């Protein structure tokens, strides 16, 4: 039994393990995310450190996707952050990668299932398009619902800030009180502004970010009033109280307008959806009945004229029932 050979094998084994461990420790100390954060902090703390001429943000950046490869690909898309801001405004916490998955996978699944079973081409195309619009429709509905909630909560938030200012609190403290006392979603937005100010973000930038995240004209008036008051002075508590009364009056008038125009909006929805619903139903019940519309040249002309007239009618009804207050 050659003990020297076995001892040599054991020493080689432990040497390889130690070499791998040393390589891992070196990699973590030089190239890990924690090491890069420490290096950036040291560079920015040193005199004249600029980190490759880019300003380092103290705020946590929103990830476009959970996959690093997908994130790098999405960053190459022009104006991708506009879509990301749209998703943020919906409050769904969907990264863009998940939104793309929810947009692409349903129509592919519908197309595969429709190809495996007998389904008319028009019905299959319609179902595929509907599957592609499921995710955008969810985001649009979530954004509209969230914006409406914030719009309804904004007068109470302005009154709470006004009362806090009259009680002797600073404006940033009043924002924190609104963030703690008000329910979601407006409570979370004001809490975010309060946290940003505590982390060192200028008040103007924090309020500007709030106005960008929430596309409401009343909130922009609120931000503009605060910024003007900081430059020119004045009684901010009284200004916010007047803004609160103005928003409440506008919401009350808007509610009356919606009630009076509800019949027209319902008619517009029915007239817009009815032709497509009936075409889908007829294609399923009797697939050959509507085939002449896209096989005959006259049928194609009739389809084009009908779609053009429907688009004109939808736009006209939208102009009639859409009343800005």
Foldseek 3Di string as FASTA:
>chain_A
DDVVVVVVVVVVVVVVVVVVVVVVVVCCCPPNPVNVVVVQVVQVPDPPRCPVVDDDDPDDDQQLDPDPVVSVVLVVDPPSVVVVLLQLLLVPSDHNVVLVCQQPPQLVVLLVVCVVDPAFPVLNVVSSVVSNCPSVVSSVVSNVVQLVVCLVCLLVLLLQLLVCVVVPDDNLVSLQVQLVPPDPDVNVLSNQLSVCVVVPDDNLVSLVVSCSSRVDVLSVVLSVLVVVCVVPNDNSSVVSNVSSVVSVVQVVVVVVLCVVLVVLVVVLVCVLCVVVVVVSVCCGVPVPPLPCLPPPPVSVVVVVVVVVVNVVVSVVSCVVSDDDD
